[in-house]
Amino acid sequence: AFLDTVVYCCNFRMSHTPEYKPFQTDGSEEATSGHGYEQRTSSEMFPVAHVTDVPVKIDGCKSLALIITNTYMSQPNPLREVKTDHTELEQTFRKPFFDTVIAKDETKEELEKKIEEAAELANEYKYKSVFIAFSGHGGKKEEQSYIVSNDGVVIGLTEFVNHIVDLFGDEIPKIFLLDSCRGYTELEQRPKRVKRNYLIAYATQDDSVSIVKYDGSYWMPEVARHLREVDDTVVNVIKKANLYVQENLDL
């Protein structure tokens, strides 16, 4: 069974406040980003449609997880709080239900090698699904979403997703968990490649910022905890995590 290409967003939208600061990409240009700065919120949701339910865990079966977390300690806008996200993700994606590839504070070149490593594992073993979790900086440039490697290199979000989908192939369900600020991407437009068997869950909505608190992000740790503790399908677990975050958001 295939997952349709879908966009599933957390139930709150971020709007800029005076504390908002741009993320410095390489010291020579600014790209819009606000991960780490307090924001106001309001509710809005993209509907989920035509999704085949994928259980988080099945006895006797194993999934693969690629965990990508960046703290940017050598960059102008560090994200120390992402360490908590990483810890929660590692606690969730562990044996016996998961094999894990860790990409922690990796440069763009190092990240590419980790993605290829995960794809080789997926091609060798018959995993029932692949989770790709990213927590770090993101934003928009010329209205298009991007994420940022730990060395400050901008990676287009559409490029990132399509590259992983191409490497892993169509047969295995791919679940992206993305906690970063974002602009717009072609992925929101239900592109031509609508049967590539993946689902994308965002921490926030298009053209909006993601936020963190002193001990980690609001969204990613709760998604990780719910995936670990709630016995349900991936989509229902994400719904419950989103609702929890919305009800317990304390800015």
C-alpha atoms as a PDB file:
ATOM      1  CA  ALA A   1       0.000   0.000   0.000  1.00  0.00           C
ATOM      2  CA  PHE A   2       1.166   3.524  -0.738  1.00  0.00           C
ATOM      3  CA  LEU A   3       1.085   6.740   1.199  1.00  0.00           C
ATOM      4  CA  ASP A   4       0.063   9.698  -0.910  1.00  0.00           C
ATOM      5  CA  THR A   5       2.236  12.782  -0.865  1.00  0.00           C
ATOM      6  CA  VAL A   6       0.676  14.797   1.941  1.00  0.00           C
ATOM      7  CA  VAL A   7       1.477  17.773   4.085  1.00  0.00           C
ATOM      8  CA  TYR A   8       0.486  17.553   7.719  1.00  0.00           C
ATOM      9  CA  CYS A   9       1.159  20.609   9.833  1.00  0.00           C
ATOM     10  CA  CYS A  10       1.080  21.322  13.520  1.00  0.00           C
ATOM     11  CA  ASN A  11      -2.026  23.189  14.666  1.00  0.00           C
ATOM     12  CA  PHE A  12      -0.440  26.549  15.291  1.00  0.00           C
ATOM     13  CA  ARG A  13       0.957  29.280  13.096  1.00  0.00           C
ATOM     14  CA  MET A  14       3.871  31.492  14.075  1.00  0.00           C
ATOM     15  CA  SER A  15       3.988  35.250  13.553  1.00  0.00           C
ATOM     16  CA  HIS A  16       7.038  37.468  13.939  1.00  0.00           C
ATOM     17  CA  THR A  17       7.722  39.417  17.126  1.00  0.00           C
ATOM     18  CA  PRO A  18      10.288  42.167  17.834  1.00  0.00           C
ATOM     19  CA  GLU A  19      12.699  39.473  19.088  1.00  0.00           C
ATOM     20  CA  TYR A  20      12.803  37.897  15.626  1.00  0.00           C
ATOM     21  CA  LYS A  21      16.293  37.676  14.097  1.00  0.00           C
ATOM     22  CA  PRO A  22      17.405  36.334  10.698  1.00  0.00           C
ATOM     23  CA  PHE A  23      19.639  33.299  10.444  1.00  0.00           C
ATOM     24  CA  GLN A  24      23.063  34.136   9.039  1.00  0.00           C
ATOM     25  CA  THR A  25      23.766  31.516   6.369  1.00  0.00           C
ATOM     26  CA  ASP A  26      27.427  32.137   5.638  1.00  0.00           C
ATOM     27  CA  GLY A  27      28.214  35.577   6.997  1.00  0.00           C
ATOM     28  CA  SER A  28      27.551  37.308   3.683  1.00  0.00           C
ATOM     29  CA  GLU A  29      23.765  37.083   3.379  1.00  0.00           C
ATOM     30  CA  GLU A  30      20.683  36.825   5.536  1.00  0.00           C
ATOM     31  CA  ALA A  31      17.972  34.230   5.095  1.00  0.00           C
ATOM     32  CA  THR A  32      14.653  34.520   6.879  1.00  0.00           C
ATOM     33  CA  SER A  33      14.514  32.241   9.919  1.00  0.00           C
ATOM     34  CA  GLY A  34      13.338  32.415  13.511  1.00  0.00           C
ATOM     35  CA  HIS A  35      13.879  28.986  15.086  1.00  0.00           C
ATOM     36  CA  GLY A  36      14.691  29.730  18.701  1.00  0.00           C
ATOM     37  CA  TYR A  37      12.812  32.998  19.151  1.00  0.00           C
ATOM     38  CA  GLU A  38       9.552  33.387  20.996  1.00  0.00           C
ATOM     39  CA  GLN A  39       6.529  33.832  18.741  1.00  0.00           C
ATOM     40  CA  ARG A  40       2.769  34.338  19.023  1.00  0.00           C
ATOM     41  CA  THR A  41       0.518  31.576  17.739  1.00  0.00           C
ATOM     42  CA  SER A  42      -2.832  31.047  16.048  1.00  0.00           C
ATOM     43  CA  SER A  43      -4.479  27.875  14.810  1.00  0.00           C
ATOM     44  CA  GLU A  44      -4.614  26.567  11.264  1.00  0.00           C
ATOM     45  CA  MET A  45      -4.383  23.044   9.863  1.00  0.00           C
ATOM     46  CA  PHE A  46      -3.828  21.424   6.507  1.00  0.00           C
ATOM     47  CA  PRO A  47      -6.166  18.439   6.072  1.00  0.00           C
ATOM     48  CA  VAL A  48      -4.875  14.909   5.750  1.00  0.00           C
ATOM     49  CA  ALA A  49      -6.415  13.067   2.801  1.00  0.00           C
ATOM     50  CA  HIS A  50      -5.932   9.714   1.048  1.00  0.00           C
ATOM     51  CA  VAL A  51      -3.386   8.393   3.520  1.00  0.00           C
ATOM     52  CA  THR A  52      -2.818   4.684   4.063  1.00  0.00           C
ATOM     53  CA  ASP A  53      -2.341   4.105   7.792  1.00  0.00           C
ATOM     54  CA  VAL A  54       1.130   2.906   8.743  1.00  0.00           C
ATOM     55  CA  PRO A  55       1.585   1.518  12.282  1.00  0.00           C
ATOM     56  CA  VAL A  56       4.534   2.879  14.241  1.00  0.00           C
ATOM     57  CA  LYS A  57       5.537  -0.581  15.469  1.00  0.00           C
ATOM     58  CA  ILE A  58       4.791  -4.145  14.398  1.00  0.00           C
ATOM     59  CA  ASP A  59       6.064  -7.154  16.343  1.00  0.00           C
ATOM     60  CA  GLY A  60       8.602  -9.102  14.346  1.00  0.00           C
ATOM     61  CA  CYS A  61       9.198  -6.224  11.896  1.00  0.00           C
ATOM     62  CA  LYS A  62      11.757  -3.448  11.924  1.00  0.00           C
ATOM     63  CA  SER A  63      11.901   0.097  10.581  1.00  0.00           C
ATOM     64  CA  LEU A  64      14.822   2.411   9.864  1.00  0.00           C
ATOM     65  CA  ALA A  65      15.313   5.886  11.318  1.00  0.00           C
ATOM     66  CA  LEU A  66      17.619   8.630  10.066  1.00  0.00           C
ATOM     67  CA  ILE A  67      18.029  11.206  12.847  1.00  0.00           C
ATOM     68  CA  ILE A  68      19.400  14.587  11.747  1.00  0.00           C
ATOM     69  CA  THR A  69      19.950  17.196  14.472  1.00  0.00           C
ATOM     70  CA  ASN A  70      22.090  20.332  14.343  1.00  0.00           C
ATOM     71  CA  THR A  71      23.115  22.637  17.192  1.00  0.00           C
ATOM     72  CA  TYR A  72      25.187  25.077  15.054  1.00  0.00           C
ATOM     73  CA  MET A  73      27.586  25.786  17.904  1.00  0.00           C
ATOM     74  CA  SER A  74      30.126  27.324  15.496  1.00  0.00           C
ATOM     75  CA  GLN A  75      27.458  29.410  13.732  1.00  0.00           C
ATOM     76  CA  PRO A  76      26.036  32.860  14.622  1.00  0.00           C
ATOM     77  CA  ASN A  77      22.675  31.389  15.765  1.00  0.00           C
ATOM     78  CA  PRO A  78      23.342  28.240  17.838  1.00  0.00           C
ATOM     79  CA  LEU A  79      20.502  25.909  18.839  1.00  0.00           C
ATOM     80  CA  ARG A  80      21.658  24.245  22.037  1.00  0.00           C
ATOM     81  CA  GLU A  81      18.080  23.167  22.732  1.00  0.00           C
ATOM     82  CA  VAL A  82      18.196  20.695  19.842  1.00  0.00           C
ATOM     83  CA  LYS A  83      20.244  18.383  22.089  1.00  0.00           C
ATOM     84  CA  THR A  84      16.976  17.533  23.855  1.00  0.00           C
ATOM     85  CA  ASP A  85      15.316  16.764  20.524  1.00  0.00           C
ATOM     86  CA  HIS A  86      18.158  14.402  19.682  1.00  0.00           C
ATOM     87  CA  THR A  87      17.914  12.586  23.017  1.00  0.00           C
ATOM     88  CA  GLU A  88      14.158  12.091  22.641  1.00  0.00           C
ATOM     89  CA  LEU A  89      14.522  10.834  19.063  1.00  0.00           C
ATOM     90  CA  GLU A  90      17.235   8.358  20.042  1.00  0.00           C
ATOM     91  CA  GLN A  91      15.051   7.035  22.856  1.00  0.00           C
ATOM     92  CA  THR A  92      12.186   6.510  20.410  1.00  0.00           C
ATOM     93  CA  PHE A  93      14.029   5.047  17.438  1.00  0.00           C
ATOM     94  CA  ARG A  94      15.917   2.170  19.048  1.00  0.00           C
ATOM     95  CA  LYS A  95      16.011  -1.587  18.951  1.00  0.00           C
ATOM     96  CA  PRO A  96      14.204  -3.932  18.684  1.00  0.00           C
ATOM     97  CA  PHE A  97      11.830  -1.995  16.424  1.00  0.00           C
ATOM     98  CA  PHE A  98      14.318   0.315  14.693  1.00  0.00           C
ATOM     99  CA  ASP A  99      17.758   0.424  13.172  1.00  0.00           C
ATOM    100  CA  THR A 100      19.157   3.944  13.374  1.00  0.00           C
ATOM    101  CA  VAL A 101      21.564   6.130  11.409  1.00  0.00           C
ATOM    102  CA  ILE A 102      22.685   9.205  13.370  1.00  0.00           C
ATOM    103  CA  ALA A 103      23.624  12.489  11.671  1.00  0.00           C
ATOM    104  CA  LYS A 104      24.459  14.774  14.584  1.00  0.00           C
ATOM    105  CA  ASP A 105      26.019  18.172  13.871  1.00  0.00           C
ATOM    106  CA  GLU A 106      27.064  17.105  10.388  1.00  0.00           C
ATOM    107  CA  THR A 107      28.331  19.259   7.524  1.00  0.00           C
ATOM    108  CA  LYS A 108      26.428  19.072   4.255  1.00  0.00           C
ATOM    109  CA  GLU A 109      29.008  16.644   2.860  1.00  0.00           C
ATOM    110  CA  GLU A 110      28.863  14.460   5.987  1.00  0.00           C
ATOM    111  CA  LEU A 111      25.051  14.518   5.925  1.00  0.00           C
ATOM    112  CA  GLU A 112      25.013  13.308   2.339  1.00  0.00           C
ATOM    113  CA  LYS A 113      27.159  10.317   3.341  1.00  0.00           C
ATOM    114  CA  LYS A 114      24.768   9.493   6.196  1.00  0.00           C
ATOM    115  CA  ILE A 115      21.781   9.669   3.847  1.00  0.00           C
ATOM    116  CA  GLU A 116      23.542   7.307   1.442  1.00  0.00           C
ATOM    117  CA  GLU A 117      24.386   4.975   4.351  1.00  0.00           C
ATOM    118  CA  ALA A 118      20.732   4.858   5.370  1.00  0.00           C
ATOM    119  CA  ALA A 119      19.646   4.224   1.771  1.00  0.00           C
ATOM    120  CA  GLU A 120      22.104   1.328   1.458  1.00  0.00           C
ATOM    121  CA  LEU A 121      20.661  -0.225   4.628  1.00  0.00           C
ATOM    122  CA  ALA A 122      17.134   0.217   3.310  1.00  0.00           C
ATOM    123  CA  ASN A 123      18.065  -1.454   0.040  1.00  0.00           C
ATOM    124  CA  GLU A 124      19.727  -4.350   1.860  1.00  0.00           C
ATOM    125  CA  TYR A 125      17.091  -5.046   4.494  1.00  0.00           C
ATOM    126  CA  LYS A 126      13.314  -5.232   4.138  1.00  0.00           C
ATOM    127  CA  TYR A 127      12.286  -2.456   6.495  1.00  0.00           C
ATOM    128  CA  LYS A 128       8.563  -1.796   6.785  1.00  0.00           C
ATOM    129  CA  SER A 129       9.094   1.993   6.857  1.00  0.00           C
ATOM    130  CA  VAL A 130      11.734   4.726   7.118  1.00  0.00           C
ATOM    131  CA  PHE A 131      11.559   7.737   9.437  1.00  0.00           C
ATOM    132  CA  ILE A 132      13.610  10.828   8.548  1.00  0.00           C
ATOM    133  CA  ALA A 133      13.707  13.327  11.420  1.00  0.00           C
ATOM    134  CA  PHE A 134      15.297  16.764  11.084  1.00  0.00           C
ATOM    135  CA  SER A 135      15.603  19.334  13.861  1.00  0.00           C
ATOM    136  CA  GLY A 136      17.543  22.505  13.179  1.00  0.00           C
ATOM    137  CA  HIS A 137      17.514  25.789  11.330  1.00  0.00           C
ATOM    138  CA  GLY A 138      15.408  26.401   8.265  1.00  0.00           C
ATOM    139  CA  GLY A 139      13.731  29.287   6.550  1.00  0.00           C
ATOM    140  CA  LYS A 140      12.946  30.690   3.153  1.00  0.00           C
ATOM    141  CA  LYS A 141      14.920  32.214   0.335  1.00  0.00           C
ATOM    142  CA  GLU A 142      13.089  33.585  -2.690  1.00  0.00           C
ATOM    143  CA  GLU A 143       9.926  32.191  -1.037  1.00  0.00           C
ATOM    144  CA  GLN A 144      11.240  28.600  -1.121  1.00  0.00           C
ATOM    145  CA  SER A 145      11.792  26.521   2.028  1.00  0.00           C
ATOM    146  CA  TYR A 146      15.213  25.276   2.985  1.00  0.00           C
ATOM    147  CA  ILE A 147      16.971  23.555   5.854  1.00  0.00           C
ATOM    148  CA  VAL A 148      20.521  24.264   7.033  1.00  0.00           C
ATOM    149  CA  SER A 149      23.366  21.819   7.607  1.00  0.00           C
ATOM    150  CA  ASN A 150      25.498  22.251  10.713  1.00  0.00           C
ATOM    151  CA  ASP A 151      28.184  24.101   8.737  1.00  0.00           C
ATOM    152  CA  GLY A 152      25.634  26.707   7.656  1.00  0.00           C
ATOM    153  CA  VAL A 153      24.981  25.469   4.116  1.00  0.00           C
ATOM    154  CA  VAL A 154      21.451  26.014   2.819  1.00  0.00           C
ATOM    155  CA  ILE A 155      19.728  22.920   1.362  1.00  0.00           C
ATOM    156  CA  GLY A 156      16.468  23.380  -0.518  1.00  0.00           C
ATOM    157  CA  LEU A 157      13.703  21.408   1.170  1.00  0.00           C
ATOM    158  CA  THR A 158      12.234  20.180  -2.104  1.00  0.00           C
ATOM    159  CA  GLU A 159      15.713  19.043  -3.172  1.00  0.00           C
ATOM    160  CA  PHE A 160      16.256  17.316   0.199  1.00  0.00           C
ATOM    161  CA  VAL A 161      12.981  15.394   0.150  1.00  0.00           C
ATOM    162  CA  ASN A 162      13.133  14.388  -3.508  1.00  0.00           C
ATOM    163  CA  HIS A 163      16.731  13.221  -3.157  1.00  0.00           C
ATOM    164  CA  ILE A 164      15.828  10.928  -0.258  1.00  0.00           C
ATOM    165  CA  VAL A 165      12.721   9.660  -2.041  1.00  0.00           C
ATOM    166  CA  ASP A 166      14.805   8.835  -5.121  1.00  0.00           C
ATOM    167  CA  LEU A 167      17.456   6.993  -3.078  1.00  0.00           C
ATOM    168  CA  PHE A 168      14.985   4.946  -1.035  1.00  0.00           C
ATOM    169  CA  GLY A 169      12.609   4.159  -3.886  1.00  0.00           C
ATOM    170  CA  ASP A 170       8.840   4.002  -4.073  1.00  0.00           C
ATOM    171  CA  GLU A 171       8.061   0.739  -2.282  1.00  0.00           C
ATOM    172  CA  ILE A 172       9.000   1.637   1.294  1.00  0.00           C
ATOM    173  CA  PRO A 173       6.879   4.231   3.168  1.00  0.00           C
ATOM    174  CA  LYS A 174       8.960   7.276   4.126  1.00  0.00           C
ATOM    175  CA  ILE A 175       7.845   9.503   7.019  1.00  0.00           C
ATOM    176  CA  PHE A 176       9.536  12.916   7.282  1.00  0.00           C
ATOM    177  CA  LEU A 177       9.431  14.738  10.634  1.00  0.00           C
ATOM    178  CA  LEU A 178      10.665  18.294  10.085  1.00  0.00           C
ATOM    179  CA  ASP A 179      11.109  20.791  12.922  1.00  0.00           C
ATOM    180  CA  SER A 180      12.443  24.039  11.485  1.00  0.00           C
ATOM    181  CA  CYS A 181      11.281  27.389  10.211  1.00  0.00           C
ATOM    182  CA  ARG A 182      10.008  27.297   6.655  1.00  0.00           C
ATOM    183  CA  GLY A 183       8.840  29.235   3.644  1.00  0.00           C
ATOM    184  CA  TYR A 184       6.989  27.585   0.768  1.00  0.00           C
ATOM    185  CA  THR A 185       7.921  24.525  -1.265  1.00  0.00           C
ATOM    186  CA  GLU A 186       6.666  22.831  -4.384  1.00  0.00           C
ATOM    187  CA  LEU A 187       5.766  19.896  -2.145  1.00  0.00           C
ATOM    188  CA  GLU A 188       2.707  21.772  -0.892  1.00  0.00           C
ATOM    189  CA  GLN A 189       1.297  21.903  -4.422  1.00  0.00           C
ATOM    190  CA  ARG A 190       0.608  18.161  -4.827  1.00  0.00           C
ATOM    191  CA  PRO A 191       3.357  17.800  -7.459  1.00  0.00           C
ATOM    192  CA  LYS A 192       3.462  15.470 -10.452  1.00  0.00           C
ATOM    193  CA  ARG A 193       5.173  12.793  -8.356  1.00  0.00           C
ATOM    194  CA  VAL A 194       2.150  12.110  -6.168  1.00  0.00           C
ATOM    195  CA  LYS A 195       2.685   8.371  -5.730  1.00  0.00           C
ATOM    196  CA  ARG A 196       6.134   8.330  -4.184  1.00  0.00           C
ATOM    197  CA  ASN A 197       4.934   6.807  -0.912  1.00  0.00           C
ATOM    198  CA  TYR A 198       5.868   9.439   1.644  1.00  0.00           C
ATOM    199  CA  LEU A 199       4.314  11.624   4.307  1.00  0.00           C
ATOM    200  CA  ILE A 200       5.657  14.927   5.614  1.00  0.00           C
ATOM    201  CA  ALA A 201       4.901  16.229   9.107  1.00  0.00           C
ATOM    202  CA  TYR A 202       5.982  19.810   9.779  1.00  0.00           C
ATOM    203  CA  ALA A 203       6.391  21.492  13.147  1.00  0.00           C
ATOM    204  CA  THR A 204       4.845  24.632  11.703  1.00  0.00           C
ATOM    205  CA  GLN A 205       3.149  25.912   8.581  1.00  0.00           C
ATOM    206  CA  ASP A 206       4.339  27.485   5.364  1.00  0.00           C
ATOM    207  CA  ASP A 207       5.988  30.895   5.711  1.00  0.00           C
ATOM    208  CA  SER A 208       6.150  30.452   9.488  1.00  0.00           C
ATOM    209  CA  VAL A 209       8.764  29.963  12.170  1.00  0.00           C
ATOM    210  CA  SER A 210       9.305  27.102  14.566  1.00  0.00           C
ATOM    211  CA  ILE A 211       9.962  27.803  18.220  1.00  0.00           C
ATOM    212  CA  VAL A 212      11.971  26.308  21.043  1.00  0.00           C
ATOM    213  CA  LYS A 213      11.920  26.607  24.813  1.00  0.00           C
ATOM    214  CA  TYR A 214      14.837  26.439  27.225  1.00  0.00           C
ATOM    215  CA  ASP A 215      14.851  22.634  27.331  1.00  0.00           C
ATOM    216  CA  GLY A 216      14.163  21.783  23.701  1.00  0.00           C
ATOM    217  CA  SER A 217      11.727  22.332  20.859  1.00  0.00           C
ATOM    218  CA  TYR A 218       8.004  22.299  21.514  1.00  0.00           C
ATOM    219  CA  TRP A 219       7.093  19.946  18.697  1.00  0.00           C
ATOM    220  CA  MET A 220       9.795  17.354  17.978  1.00  0.00           C
ATOM    221  CA  PRO A 221      10.217  15.991  21.532  1.00  0.00           C
ATOM    222  CA  GLU A 222       6.447  15.504  21.829  1.00  0.00           C
ATOM    223  CA  VAL A 223       6.231  13.760  18.468  1.00  0.00           C
ATOM    224  CA  ALA A 224       9.106  11.495  19.544  1.00  0.00           C
ATOM    225  CA  ARG A 225       7.477  10.783  22.918  1.00  0.00           C
ATOM    226  CA  HIS A 226       4.097  10.036  21.345  1.00  0.00           C
ATOM    227  CA  LEU A 227       5.672   7.723  18.766  1.00  0.00           C
ATOM    228  CA  ARG A 228       7.354   5.913  21.656  1.00  0.00           C
ATOM    229  CA  GLU A 229       4.383   5.686  23.998  1.00  0.00           C
ATOM    230  CA  VAL A 230       1.210   5.697  21.889  1.00  0.00           C
ATOM    231  CA  ASP A 231       0.237   2.478  20.134  1.00  0.00           C
ATOM    232  CA  ASP A 232      -1.449   3.718  16.956  1.00  0.00           C
ATOM    233  CA  THR A 233      -0.826   4.602  13.326  1.00  0.00           C
ATOM    234  CA  VAL A 234       1.760   7.225  12.426  1.00  0.00           C
ATOM    235  CA  VAL A 235      -0.872   9.732  11.301  1.00  0.00           C
ATOM    236  CA  ASN A 236      -2.955   9.346  14.464  1.00  0.00           C
ATOM    237  CA  VAL A 237       0.122   9.621  16.686  1.00  0.00           C
ATOM    238  CA  ILE A 238       1.138  12.863  14.961  1.00  0.00           C
ATOM    239  CA  LYS A 239      -2.396  14.208  15.367  1.00  0.00           C
ATOM    240  CA  LYS A 240      -2.294  13.462  19.097  1.00  0.00           C
ATOM    241  CA  ALA A 241       1.157  15.022  19.480  1.00  0.00           C
ATOM    242  CA  ASN A 242       0.015  18.143  17.617  1.00  0.00           C
ATOM    243  CA  LEU A 243      -3.037  18.460  19.845  1.00  0.00           C
ATOM    244  CA  TYR A 244      -0.904  18.032  22.965  1.00  0.00           C
ATOM    245  CA  VAL A 245       1.511  20.748  21.829  1.00  0.00           C
ATOM    246  CA  GLN A 246      -1.331  23.126  21.007  1.00  0.00           C
ATOM    247  CA  GLU A 247      -3.040  22.593  24.348  1.00  0.00           C
ATOM    248  CA  ASN A 248       0.186  22.898  26.367  1.00  0.00           C
ATOM    249  CA  LEU A 249       1.954  25.686  24.470  1.00  0.00           C
ATOM    250  CA  ASP A 250       3.147  28.171  27.083  1.00  0.00           C
ATOM    251  CA  LEU A 251       4.909  31.233  25.608  1.00  0.00           C
END
